[in-house]
Amino acid sequence: MPSIEERVAYLEGTVGEHSRAFTDIQHALSDIRTGLTELRADMHARFNQIDQRFGQIDQRFGQIDQRFVQVDQRFAQVDQRLMWLTGTLFAVLLAMIGTLATAYFR
């Protein structure tokens, strides 16, 4: 059976190995935390870029919407003018038919 000194020496060696392993684990965790912090900062920057791009796209859609509103107003004006023109042409056609009918039946 090993003596107390041998057992203590064995335990000191084992504890020393555990201590070194624990220190290595702490360094690894520190590296992981640093990497995650950098990744988080990169992701934050990318999301800000994406937000800016969506803002630009939203602005462009707003401009396109304004153009469609302007075109719709122009079509409404053209539609109103076309109605007046059609009504005037129809009235002239009726007047001509009436004049021709009067001349024919006279």
PDB file of N, CA and C in Angstrom:
ATOM      1  N   MET A   1       0.858  -1.170   0.000  1.00  0.00           N
ATOM      2  CA  MET A   1       0.000   0.000   0.000  1.00  0.00           C
ATOM      3  C   MET A   1       0.902   1.229   0.000  1.00  0.00           C
ATOM      4  N   PRO A   2       0.518   2.251  -0.825  1.00  0.00           N
ATOM      5  CA  PRO A   2       1.360   3.436  -0.916  1.00  0.00           C
ATOM      6  C   PRO A   2       1.318   4.238   0.384  1.00  0.00           C
ATOM      7  N   SER A   3       2.396   4.894   0.605  1.00  0.00           N
ATOM      8  CA  SER A   3       2.472   5.712   1.816  1.00  0.00           C
ATOM      9  C   SER A   3       1.697   7.007   1.622  1.00  0.00           C
ATOM     10  N   ILE A   4       1.508   7.709   2.712  1.00  0.00           N
ATOM     11  CA  ILE A   4       0.749   8.965   2.683  1.00  0.00           C
ATOM     12  C   ILE A   4       1.445   9.980   1.789  1.00  0.00           C
ATOM     13  N   GLU A   5       2.735  10.014   1.836  1.00  0.00           N
ATOM     14  CA  GLU A   5       3.464  10.980   1.011  1.00  0.00           C
ATOM     15  C   GLU A   5       3.262  10.689  -0.467  1.00  0.00           C
ATOM     16  N   GLU A   6       3.255   9.412  -0.845  1.00  0.00           N
ATOM     17  CA  GLU A   6       3.025   9.051  -2.239  1.00  0.00           C
ATOM     18  C   GLU A   6       1.600   9.423  -2.650  1.00  0.00           C
ATOM     19  N   ARG A   7       0.667   9.168  -1.740  1.00  0.00           N
ATOM     20  CA  ARG A   7      -0.743   9.479  -2.037  1.00  0.00           C
ATOM     21  C   ARG A   7      -0.945  10.987  -2.172  1.00  0.00           C
ATOM     22  N   VAL A   8      -0.303  11.750  -1.304  1.00  0.00           N
ATOM     23  CA  VAL A   8      -0.399  13.206  -1.366  1.00  0.00           C
ATOM     24  C   VAL A   8       0.248  13.703  -2.656  1.00  0.00           C
ATOM     25  N   ALA A   9       1.386  13.140  -3.023  1.00  0.00           N
ATOM     26  CA  ALA A   9       2.066  13.538  -4.261  1.00  0.00           C
ATOM     27  C   ALA A   9       1.181  13.227  -5.470  1.00  0.00           C
ATOM     28  N   TYR A  10       0.533  12.059  -5.434  1.00  0.00           N
ATOM     29  CA  TYR A  10      -0.377  11.688  -6.530  1.00  0.00           C
ATOM     30  C   TYR A  10      -1.538  12.674  -6.616  1.00  0.00           C
ATOM     31  N   LEU A  11      -2.106  13.003  -5.454  1.00  0.00           N
ATOM     32  CA  LEU A  11      -3.224  13.954  -5.431  1.00  0.00           C
ATOM     33  C   LEU A  11      -2.782  15.342  -5.883  1.00  0.00           C
ATOM     34  N   GLU A  12      -1.598  15.759  -5.491  1.00  0.00           N
ATOM     35  CA  GLU A  12      -1.105  17.065  -5.935  1.00  0.00           C
ATOM     36  C   GLU A  12      -0.919  17.081  -7.446  1.00  0.00           C
ATOM     37  N   GLY A  13      -0.403  16.002  -7.999  1.00  0.00           N
ATOM     38  CA  GLY A  13      -0.255  15.914  -9.463  1.00  0.00           C
ATOM     39  C   GLY A  13      -1.597  15.949 -10.177  1.00  0.00           C
ATOM     40  N   THR A  14      -2.554  15.212  -9.654  1.00  0.00           N
ATOM     41  CA  THR A  14      -3.890  15.174 -10.256  1.00  0.00           C
ATOM     42  C   THR A  14      -4.564  16.540 -10.163  1.00  0.00           C
ATOM     43  N   VAL A  15      -4.481  17.165  -8.997  1.00  0.00           N
ATOM     44  CA  VAL A  15      -5.071  18.493  -8.809  1.00  0.00           C
ATOM     45  C   VAL A  15      -4.375  19.502  -9.723  1.00  0.00           C
ATOM     46  N   GLY A  16      -3.060  19.383  -9.885  1.00  0.00           N
ATOM     47  CA  GLY A  16      -2.327  20.278 -10.785  1.00  0.00           C
ATOM     48  C   GLY A  16      -2.796  20.132 -12.216  1.00  0.00           C
ATOM     49  N   GLU A  17      -3.021  18.861 -12.655  1.00  0.00           N
ATOM     50  CA  GLU A  17      -3.536  18.630 -14.014  1.00  0.00           C
ATOM     51  C   GLU A  17      -4.933  19.219 -14.165  1.00  0.00           C
ATOM     52  N   HIS A  18      -5.760  19.027 -13.148  1.00  0.00           N
ATOM     53  CA  HIS A  18      -7.119  19.588 -13.194  1.00  0.00           C
ATOM     54  C   HIS A  18      -7.066  21.115 -13.222  1.00  0.00           C
ATOM     55  N   SER A  19      -6.156  21.663 -12.481  1.00  0.00           N
ATOM     56  CA  SER A  19      -6.015  23.111 -12.443  1.00  0.00           C
ATOM     57  C   SER A  19      -5.590  23.646 -13.813  1.00  0.00           C
ATOM     58  N   ARG A  20      -4.629  22.957 -14.445  1.00  0.00           N
ATOM     59  CA  ARG A  20      -4.205  23.383 -15.803  1.00  0.00           C
ATOM     60  C   ARG A  20      -5.353  23.233 -16.802  1.00  0.00           C
ATOM     61  N   ALA A  21      -6.080  22.119 -16.699  1.00  0.00           N
ATOM     62  CA  ALA A  21      -7.218  21.901 -17.607  1.00  0.00           C
ATOM     63  C   ALA A  21      -8.278  22.974 -17.391  1.00  0.00           C
ATOM     64  N   PHE A  22      -8.533  23.317 -16.130  1.00  0.00           N
ATOM     65  CA  PHE A  22      -9.513  24.350 -15.824  1.00  0.00           C
ATOM     66  C   PHE A  22      -9.071  25.702 -16.377  1.00  0.00           C
ATOM     67  N   THR A  23      -7.789  26.005 -16.276  1.00  0.00           N
ATOM     68  CA  THR A  23      -7.255  27.255 -16.823  1.00  0.00           C
ATOM     69  C   THR A  23      -7.395  27.275 -18.339  1.00  0.00           C
ATOM     70  N   ASP A  24      -7.114  26.138 -18.990  1.00  0.00           N
ATOM     71  CA  ASP A  24      -7.287  26.053 -20.442  1.00  0.00           C
ATOM     72  C   ASP A  24      -8.749  26.261 -20.837  1.00  0.00           C
ATOM     73  N   ILE A  25      -9.652  25.684 -20.052  1.00  0.00           N
ATOM     74  CA  ILE A  25     -11.083  25.854 -20.328  1.00  0.00           C
ATOM     75  C   ILE A  25     -11.478  27.316 -20.158  1.00  0.00           C
ATOM     76  N   GLN A  26     -10.944  27.978 -19.137  1.00  0.00           N
ATOM     77  CA  GLN A  26     -11.254  29.398 -18.938  1.00  0.00           C
ATOM     78  C   GLN A  26     -10.759  30.232 -20.121  1.00  0.00           C
ATOM     79  N   HIS A  27      -9.565  29.942 -20.625  1.00  0.00           N
ATOM     80  CA  HIS A  27      -9.041  30.676 -21.782  1.00  0.00           C
ATOM     81  C   HIS A  27      -9.893  30.409 -23.022  1.00  0.00           C
ATOM     82  N   ALA A  28     -10.301  29.154 -23.192  1.00  0.00           N
ATOM     83  CA  ALA A  28     -11.144  28.816 -24.341  1.00  0.00           C
ATOM     84  C   ALA A  28     -12.477  29.550 -24.259  1.00  0.00           C
ATOM     85  N   LEU A  29     -13.069  29.586 -23.070  1.00  0.00           N
ATOM     86  CA  LEU A  29     -14.341  30.305 -22.897  1.00  0.00           C
ATOM     87  C   LEU A  29     -14.161  31.798 -23.131  1.00  0.00           C
ATOM     88  N   SER A  30     -13.044  32.332 -22.709  1.00  0.00           N
ATOM     89  CA  SER A  30     -12.768  33.746 -22.939  1.00  0.00           C
ATOM     90  C   SER A  30     -12.665  34.023 -24.440  1.00  0.00           C
ATOM     91  N   ASP A  31     -11.990  33.114 -25.171  1.00  0.00           N
ATOM     92  CA  ASP A  31     -11.896  33.272 -26.626  1.00  0.00           C
ATOM     93  C   ASP A  31     -13.270  33.181 -27.279  1.00  0.00           C
ATOM     94  N   ILE A  32     -14.090  32.267 -26.801  1.00  0.00           N
ATOM     95  CA  ILE A  32     -15.442  32.115 -27.348  1.00  0.00           C
ATOM     96  C   ILE A  32     -16.260  33.376 -27.080  1.00  0.00           C
ATOM     97  N   ARG A  33     -16.159  33.928 -25.876  1.00  0.00           N
ATOM     98  CA  ARG A  33     -16.889  35.161 -25.556  1.00  0.00           C
ATOM     99  C   ARG A  33     -16.443  36.307 -26.459  1.00  0.00           C
ATOM    100  N   THR A  34     -15.128  36.394 -26.675  1.00  0.00           N
ATOM    101  CA  THR A  34     -14.610  37.455 -27.556  1.00  0.00           C
ATOM    102  C   THR A  34     -15.146  37.271 -28.973  1.00  0.00           C
ATOM    103  N   GLY A  35     -15.120  36.024 -29.450  1.00  0.00           N
ATOM    104  CA  GLY A  35     -15.646  35.744 -30.785  1.00  0.00           C
ATOM    105  C   GLY A  35     -17.119  36.065 -30.905  1.00  0.00           C
ATOM    106  N   LEU A  36     -17.882  35.703 -29.879  1.00  0.00           N
ATOM    107  CA  LEU A  36     -19.318  36.002 -29.898  1.00  0.00           C
ATOM    108  C   LEU A  36     -19.581  37.506 -29.855  1.00  0.00           C
ATOM    109  N   THR A  37     -18.783  38.229 -29.100  1.00  0.00           N
ATOM    110  CA  THR A  37     -18.932  39.693 -29.046  1.00  0.00           C
ATOM    111  C   THR A  37     -18.660  40.300 -30.414  1.00  0.00           C
ATOM    112  N   GLU A  38     -17.602  39.822 -31.087  1.00  0.00           N
ATOM    113  CA  GLU A  38     -17.290  40.328 -32.430  1.00  0.00           C
ATOM    114  C   GLU A  38     -18.389  39.953 -33.422  1.00  0.00           C
ATOM    115  N   LEU A  39     -18.876  38.723 -33.316  1.00  0.00           N
ATOM    116  CA  LEU A  39     -19.961  38.281 -34.200  1.00  0.00           C
ATOM    117  C   LEU A  39     -21.212  39.126 -33.981  1.00  0.00           C
ATOM    118  N   ARG A  40     -21.507  39.406 -32.728  1.00  0.00           N
ATOM    119  CA  ARG A  40     -22.678  40.228 -32.419  1.00  0.00           C
ATOM    120  C   ARG A  40     -22.529  41.631 -33.002  1.00  0.00           C
ATOM    121  N   ALA A  41     -21.343  42.202 -32.905  1.00  0.00           N
ATOM    122  CA  ALA A  41     -21.108  43.540 -33.469  1.00  0.00           C
ATOM    123  C   ALA A  41     -21.242  43.507 -34.984  1.00  0.00           C
ATOM    124  N   ASP A  42     -20.701  42.458 -35.618  1.00  0.00           N
ATOM    125  CA  ASP A  42     -20.827  42.333 -37.071  1.00  0.00           C
ATOM    126  C   ASP A  42     -22.284  42.185 -37.496  1.00  0.00           C
ATOM    127  N   MET A  43     -23.023  41.367 -36.757  1.00  0.00           N
ATOM    128  CA  MET A  43     -24.435  41.180 -37.090  1.00  0.00           C
ATOM    129  C   MET A  43     -25.211  42.481 -36.908  1.00  0.00           C
ATOM    130  N   HIS A  44     -24.886  43.219 -35.858  1.00  0.00           N
ATOM    131  CA  HIS A  44     -25.554  44.498 -35.621  1.00  0.00           C
ATOM    132  C   HIS A  44     -25.284  45.466 -36.782  1.00  0.00           C
ATOM    133  N   ALA A  45     -24.038  45.495 -37.243  1.00  0.00           N
ATOM    134  CA  ALA A  45     -23.691  46.373 -38.369  1.00  0.00           C
ATOM    135  C   ALA A  45     -24.426  45.936 -39.632  1.00  0.00           C
ATOM    136  N   ARG A  46     -24.502  44.622 -39.884  1.00  0.00           N
ATOM    137  CA  ARG A  46     -25.199  44.130 -41.076  1.00  0.00           C
ATOM    138  C   ARG A  46     -26.693  44.454 -41.013  1.00  0.00           C
ATOM    139  N   PHE A  47     -27.299  44.280 -39.839  1.00  0.00           N
ATOM    140  CA  PHE A  47     -28.714  44.595 -39.712  1.00  0.00           C
ATOM    141  C   PHE A  47     -28.962  46.087 -39.906  1.00  0.00           C
ATOM    142  N   ASN A  48     -28.046  46.923 -39.472  1.00  0.00           N
ATOM    143  CA  ASN A  48     -28.186  48.357 -39.738  1.00  0.00           C
ATOM    144  C   ASN A  48     -28.130  48.638 -41.231  1.00  0.00           C
ATOM    145  N   GLN A  49     -27.227  47.954 -41.947  1.00  0.00           N
ATOM    146  CA  GLN A  49     -27.154  48.122 -43.404  1.00  0.00           C
ATOM    147  C   GLN A  49     -28.455  47.667 -44.056  1.00  0.00           C
ATOM    148  N   ILE A  50     -28.981  46.556 -43.598  1.00  0.00           N
ATOM    149  CA  ILE A  50     -30.236  46.043 -44.164  1.00  0.00           C
ATOM    150  C   ILE A  50     -31.375  47.010 -43.876  1.00  0.00           C
ATOM    151  N   ASP A  51     -31.402  47.570 -42.675  1.00  0.00           N
ATOM    152  CA  ASP A  51     -32.437  48.564 -42.344  1.00  0.00           C
ATOM    153  C   ASP A  51     -32.347  49.783 -43.262  1.00  0.00           C
ATOM    154  N   GLN A  52     -31.116  50.224 -43.554  1.00  0.00           N
ATOM    155  CA  GLN A  52     -30.945  51.359 -44.463  1.00  0.00           C
ATOM    156  C   GLN A  52     -31.436  51.010 -45.861  1.00  0.00           C
ATOM    157  N   ARG A  53     -31.122  49.809 -46.319  1.00  0.00           N
ATOM    158  CA  ARG A  53     -31.576  49.398 -47.653  1.00  0.00           C
ATOM    159  C   ARG A  53     -33.092  49.327 -47.716  1.00  0.00           C
ATOM    160  N   PHE A  54     -33.715  48.768 -46.677  1.00  0.00           N
ATOM    161  CA  PHE A  54     -35.176  48.729 -46.659  1.00  0.00           C
ATOM    162  C   PHE A  54     -35.764  50.132 -46.618  1.00  0.00           C
ATOM    163  N   GLY A  55     -35.096  51.043 -45.934  1.00  0.00           N
ATOM    164  CA  GLY A  55     -35.547  52.434 -45.931  1.00  0.00           C
ATOM    165  C   GLY A  55     -35.488  53.044 -47.323  1.00  0.00           C
ATOM    166  N   GLN A  56     -34.405  52.752 -48.047  1.00  0.00           N
ATOM    167  CA  GLN A  56     -34.283  53.256 -49.415  1.00  0.00           C
ATOM    168  C   GLN A  56     -35.355  52.654 -50.312  1.00  0.00           C
ATOM    169  N   ILE A  57     -35.595  51.357 -50.160  1.00  0.00           N
ATOM    170  CA  ILE A  57     -36.625  50.695 -50.975  1.00  0.00           C
ATOM    171  C   ILE A  57     -37.996  51.265 -50.649  1.00  0.00           C
ATOM    172  N   ASP A  58     -38.259  51.504 -49.376  1.00  0.00           N
ATOM    173  CA  ASP A  58     -39.537  52.094 -48.975  1.00  0.00           C
ATOM    174  C   ASP A  58     -39.704  53.481 -49.576  1.00  0.00           C
ATOM    175  N   GLN A  59     -38.621  54.248 -49.599  1.00  0.00           N
ATOM    176  CA  GLN A  59     -38.665  55.581 -50.199  1.00  0.00           C
ATOM    177  C   GLN A  59     -38.947  55.482 -51.696  1.00  0.00           C
ATOM    178  N   ARG A  60     -38.323  54.527 -52.369  1.00  0.00           N
ATOM    179  CA  ARG A  60     -38.570  54.351 -53.809  1.00  0.00           C
ATOM    180  C   ARG A  60     -40.010  53.952 -54.077  1.00  0.00           C
ATOM    181  N   PHE A  61     -40.557  53.058 -53.252  1.00  0.00           N
ATOM    182  CA  PHE A  61     -41.960  52.686 -53.415  1.00  0.00           C
ATOM    183  C   PHE A  61     -42.870  53.888 -53.187  1.00  0.00           C
ATOM    184  N   GLY A  62     -42.503  54.750 -52.266  1.00  0.00           N
ATOM    185  CA  GLY A  62     -43.281  55.979 -52.050  1.00  0.00           C
ATOM    186  C   GLY A  62     -43.259  56.872 -53.276  1.00  0.00           C
ATOM    187  N   GLN A  63     -42.092  56.983 -53.911  1.00  0.00           N
ATOM    188  CA  GLN A  63     -41.989  57.782 -55.129  1.00  0.00           C
ATOM    189  C   GLN A  63     -42.832  57.173 -56.251  1.00  0.00           C
ATOM    190  N   ILE A  64     -42.770  55.856 -56.391  1.00  0.00           N
ATOM    191  CA  ILE A  64     -43.563  55.182 -57.427  1.00  0.00           C
ATOM    192  C   ILE A  64     -45.043  55.372 -57.151  1.00  0.00           C
ATOM    193  N   ASP A  65     -45.442  55.295 -55.892  1.00  0.00           N
ATOM    194  CA  ASP A  65     -46.843  55.496 -55.530  1.00  0.00           C
ATOM    195  C   ASP A  65     -47.293  56.909 -55.891  1.00  0.00           C
ATOM    196  N   GLN A  66     -46.442  57.910 -55.636  1.00  0.00           N
ATOM    197  CA  GLN A  66     -46.783  59.282 -56.003  1.00  0.00           C
ATOM    198  C   GLN A  66     -46.952  59.404 -57.518  1.00  0.00           C
ATOM    199  N   ARG A  67     -46.072  58.744 -58.273  1.00  0.00           N
ATOM    200  CA  ARG A  67     -46.198  58.789 -59.740  1.00  0.00           C
ATOM    201  C   ARG A  67     -47.510  58.161 -60.196  1.00  0.00           C
ATOM    202  N   PHE A  68     -47.901  57.044 -59.578  1.00  0.00           N
ATOM    203  CA  PHE A  68     -49.160  56.405 -59.949  1.00  0.00           C
ATOM    204  C   PHE A  68     -50.344  57.303 -59.619  1.00  0.00           C
ATOM    205  N   VAL A  69     -50.255  58.022 -58.518  1.00  0.00           N
ATOM    206  CA  VAL A  69     -51.334  58.949 -58.163  1.00  0.00           C
ATOM    207  C   VAL A  69     -51.424  60.057 -59.211  1.00  0.00           C
ATOM    208  N   GLN A  70     -50.288  60.577 -59.649  1.00  0.00           N
ATOM    209  CA  GLN A  70     -50.279  61.620 -60.678  1.00  0.00           C
ATOM    210  C   GLN A  70     -50.853  61.089 -61.988  1.00  0.00           C
ATOM    211  N   VAL A  71     -50.440  59.869 -62.371  1.00  0.00           N
ATOM    212  CA  VAL A  71     -50.952  59.272 -63.611  1.00  0.00           C
ATOM    213  C   VAL A  71     -52.446  59.034 -63.493  1.00  0.00           C
ATOM    214  N   ASP A  72     -52.900  58.590 -62.327  1.00  0.00           N
ATOM    215  CA  ASP A  72     -54.327  58.353 -62.118  1.00  0.00           C
ATOM    216  C   ASP A  72     -55.106  59.657 -62.231  1.00  0.00           C
ATOM    217  N   GLN A  73     -54.570  60.751 -61.712  1.00  0.00           N
ATOM    218  CA  GLN A  73     -55.237  62.050 -61.834  1.00  0.00           C
ATOM    219  C   GLN A  73     -55.300  62.488 -63.289  1.00  0.00           C
ATOM    220  N   ARG A  74     -54.219  62.247 -64.037  1.00  0.00           N
ATOM    221  CA  ARG A  74     -54.215  62.611 -65.464  1.00  0.00           C
ATOM    222  C   ARG A  74     -55.244  61.792 -66.228  1.00  0.00           C
ATOM    223  N   PHE A  75     -55.345  60.492 -65.923  1.00  0.00           N
ATOM    224  CA  PHE A  75     -56.343  59.661 -66.592  1.00  0.00           C
ATOM    225  C   PHE A  75     -57.750  60.116 -66.240  1.00  0.00           C
ATOM    226  N   ALA A  76     -57.950  60.563 -65.012  1.00  0.00           N
ATOM    227  CA  ALA A  76     -59.265  61.069 -64.624  1.00  0.00           C
ATOM    228  C   ALA A  76     -59.603  62.309 -65.442  1.00  0.00           C
ATOM    229  N   GLN A  77     -58.626  63.206 -65.661  1.00  0.00           N
ATOM    230  CA  GLN A  77     -58.853  64.391 -66.482  1.00  0.00           C
ATOM    231  C   GLN A  77     -59.151  63.997 -67.925  1.00  0.00           C
ATOM    232  N   VAL A  78     -58.362  63.047 -68.447  1.00  0.00           N
ATOM    233  CA  VAL A  78     -58.574  62.594 -69.829  1.00  0.00           C
ATOM    234  C   VAL A  78     -59.936  61.935 -69.947  1.00  0.00           C
ATOM    235  N   ASP A  79     -60.321  61.146 -68.968  1.00  0.00           N
ATOM    236  CA  ASP A  79     -61.608  60.471 -68.984  1.00  0.00           C
ATOM    237  C   ASP A  79     -62.747  61.494 -68.977  1.00  0.00           C
ATOM    238  N   GLN A  80     -62.603  62.546 -68.171  1.00  0.00           N
ATOM    239  CA  GLN A  80     -63.637  63.589 -68.117  1.00  0.00           C
ATOM    240  C   GLN A  80     -63.703  64.331 -69.454  1.00  0.00           C
ATOM    241  N   ARG A  81     -62.561  64.647 -70.020  1.00  0.00           N
ATOM    242  CA  ARG A  81     -62.539  65.339 -71.318  1.00  0.00           C
ATOM    243  C   ARG A  81     -63.109  64.447 -72.421  1.00  0.00           C
ATOM    244  N   LEU A  82     -62.805  63.148 -72.363  1.00  0.00           N
ATOM    245  CA  LEU A  82     -63.332  62.219 -73.354  1.00  0.00           C
ATOM    246  C   LEU A  82     -64.847  62.127 -73.255  1.00  0.00           C
ATOM    247  N   MET A  83     -65.386  62.186 -72.044  1.00  0.00           N
ATOM    248  CA  MET A  83     -66.831  62.172 -71.873  1.00  0.00           C
ATOM    249  C   MET A  83     -67.470  63.421 -72.496  1.00  0.00           C
ATOM    250  N   TRP A  84     -66.851  64.586 -72.242  1.00  0.00           N
ATOM    251  CA  TRP A  84     -67.363  65.824 -72.838  1.00  0.00           C
ATOM    252  C   TRP A  84     -67.289  65.761 -74.363  1.00  0.00           C
ATOM    253  N   LEU A  85     -66.179  65.269 -74.884  1.00  0.00           N
ATOM    254  CA  LEU A  85     -66.009  65.167 -76.336  1.00  0.00           C
ATOM    255  C   LEU A  85     -67.036  64.219 -76.939  1.00  0.00           C
ATOM    256  N   THR A  86     -67.251  63.080 -76.305  1.00  0.00           N
ATOM    257  CA  THR A  86     -68.234  62.118 -76.793  1.00  0.00           C
ATOM    258  C   THR A  86     -69.638  62.722 -76.757  1.00  0.00           C
ATOM    259  N   GLY A  87     -69.956  63.411 -75.692  1.00  0.00           N
ATOM    260  CA  GLY A  87     -71.269  64.046 -75.598  1.00  0.00           C
ATOM    261  C   GLY A  87     -71.457  65.110 -76.667  1.00  0.00           C
ATOM    262  N   THR A  88     -70.416  65.905 -76.900  1.00  0.00           N
ATOM    263  CA  THR A  88     -70.501  66.947 -77.931  1.00  0.00           C
ATOM    264  C   THR A  88     -70.657  66.329 -79.317  1.00  0.00           C
ATOM    265  N   LEU A  89     -69.872  65.298 -79.623  1.00  0.00           N
ATOM    266  CA  LEU A  89     -69.974  64.622 -80.919  1.00  0.00           C
ATOM    267  C   LEU A  89     -71.341  63.981 -81.106  1.00  0.00           C
ATOM    268  N   PHE A  90     -71.870  63.404 -80.050  1.00  0.00           N
ATOM    269  CA  PHE A  90     -73.202  62.811 -80.134  1.00  0.00           C
ATOM    270  C   PHE A  90     -74.262  63.878 -80.393  1.00  0.00           C
ATOM    271  N   ALA A  91     -74.138  65.039 -79.737  1.00  0.00           N
ATOM    272  CA  ALA A  91     -75.093  66.133 -79.956  1.00  0.00           C
ATOM    273  C   ALA A  91     -74.987  66.649 -81.387  1.00  0.00           C
ATOM    274  N   VAL A  92     -73.775  66.766 -81.925  1.00  0.00           N
ATOM    275  CA  VAL A  92     -73.587  67.225 -83.303  1.00  0.00           C
ATOM    276  C   VAL A  92     -74.167  66.204 -84.274  1.00  0.00           C
ATOM    277  N   LEU A  93     -73.964  64.916 -83.993  1.00  0.00           N
ATOM    278  CA  LEU A  93     -74.512  63.870 -84.853  1.00  0.00           C
ATOM    279  C   LEU A  93     -76.024  63.911 -84.862  1.00  0.00           C
ATOM    280  N   LEU A  94     -76.634  64.114 -83.703  1.00  0.00           N
ATOM    281  CA  LEU A  94     -78.091  64.224 -83.648  1.00  0.00           C
ATOM    282  C   LEU A  94     -78.580  65.459 -84.405  1.00  0.00           C
ATOM    283  N   ALA A  95     -77.849  66.557 -84.285  1.00  0.00           N
ATOM    284  CA  ALA A  95     -78.237  67.777 -85.009  1.00  0.00           C
ATOM    285  C   ALA A  95     -78.146  67.544 -86.514  1.00  0.00           C
ATOM    286  N   MET A  96     -77.101  66.844 -86.973  1.00  0.00           N
ATOM    287  CA  MET A  96     -76.955  66.578 -88.410  1.00  0.00           C
ATOM    288  C   MET A  96     -78.052  65.632 -88.905  1.00  0.00           C
ATOM    289  N   ILE A  97     -78.337  64.612 -88.108  1.00  0.00           N
ATOM    290  CA  ILE A  97     -79.409  63.682 -88.502  1.00  0.00           C
ATOM    291  C   ILE A  97     -80.740  64.420 -88.545  1.00  0.00           C
ATOM    292  N   GLY A  98     -80.945  65.292 -87.560  1.00  0.00           N
ATOM    293  CA  GLY A  98     -82.193  66.066 -87.557  1.00  0.00           C
ATOM    294  C   GLY A  98     -82.282  66.980 -88.774  1.00  0.00           C
ATOM    295  N   THR A  99     -81.173  67.615 -89.148  1.00  0.00           N
ATOM    296  CA  THR A  99     -81.153  68.503 -90.307  1.00  0.00           C
ATOM    297  C   THR A  99     -81.392  67.707 -91.586  1.00  0.00           C
ATOM    298  N   LEU A 100     -80.724  66.552 -91.700  1.00  0.00           N
ATOM    299  CA  LEU A 100     -80.925  65.722 -92.889  1.00  0.00           C
ATOM    300  C   LEU A 100     -82.349  65.172 -92.959  1.00  0.00           C
ATOM    301  N   ALA A 101     -82.915  64.802 -91.799  1.00  0.00           N
ATOM    302  CA  ALA A 101     -84.303  64.301 -91.786  1.00  0.00           C
ATOM    303  C   ALA A 101     -85.266  65.400 -92.185  1.00  0.00           C
ATOM    304  N   THR A 102     -85.037  66.635 -91.737  1.00  0.00           N
ATOM    305  CA  THR A 102     -85.917  67.736 -92.101  1.00  0.00           C
ATOM    306  C   THR A 102     -85.825  68.018 -93.582  1.00  0.00           C
ATOM    307  N   ALA A 103     -84.606  67.975 -94.130  1.00  0.00           N
ATOM    308  CA  ALA A 103     -84.444  68.253 -95.559  1.00  0.00           C
ATOM    309  C   ALA A 103     -85.048  67.112 -96.391  1.00  0.00           C
ATOM    310  N   TYR A 104     -84.986  65.909 -95.934  1.00  0.00           N
ATOM    311  CA  TYR A 104     -85.515  64.776 -96.678  1.00  0.00           C
ATOM    312  C   TYR A 104     -87.039  64.750 -96.681  1.00  0.00           C
ATOM    313  N   PHE A 105     -87.663  65.093 -95.549  1.00  0.00           N
ATOM    314  CA  PHE A 105     -89.103  65.042 -95.435  1.00  0.00           C
ATOM    315  C   PHE A 105     -89.794  66.336 -95.861  1.00  0.00           C
ATOM    316  N   ARG A 106     -89.110  67.261 -96.367  1.00  0.00           N
ATOM    317  CA  ARG A 106     -89.689  68.516 -96.800  1.00  0.00           C
ATOM    318  C   ARG A 106     -90.108  68.498 -98.206  1.00  0.00           C
TER     319      ARG A 106
END
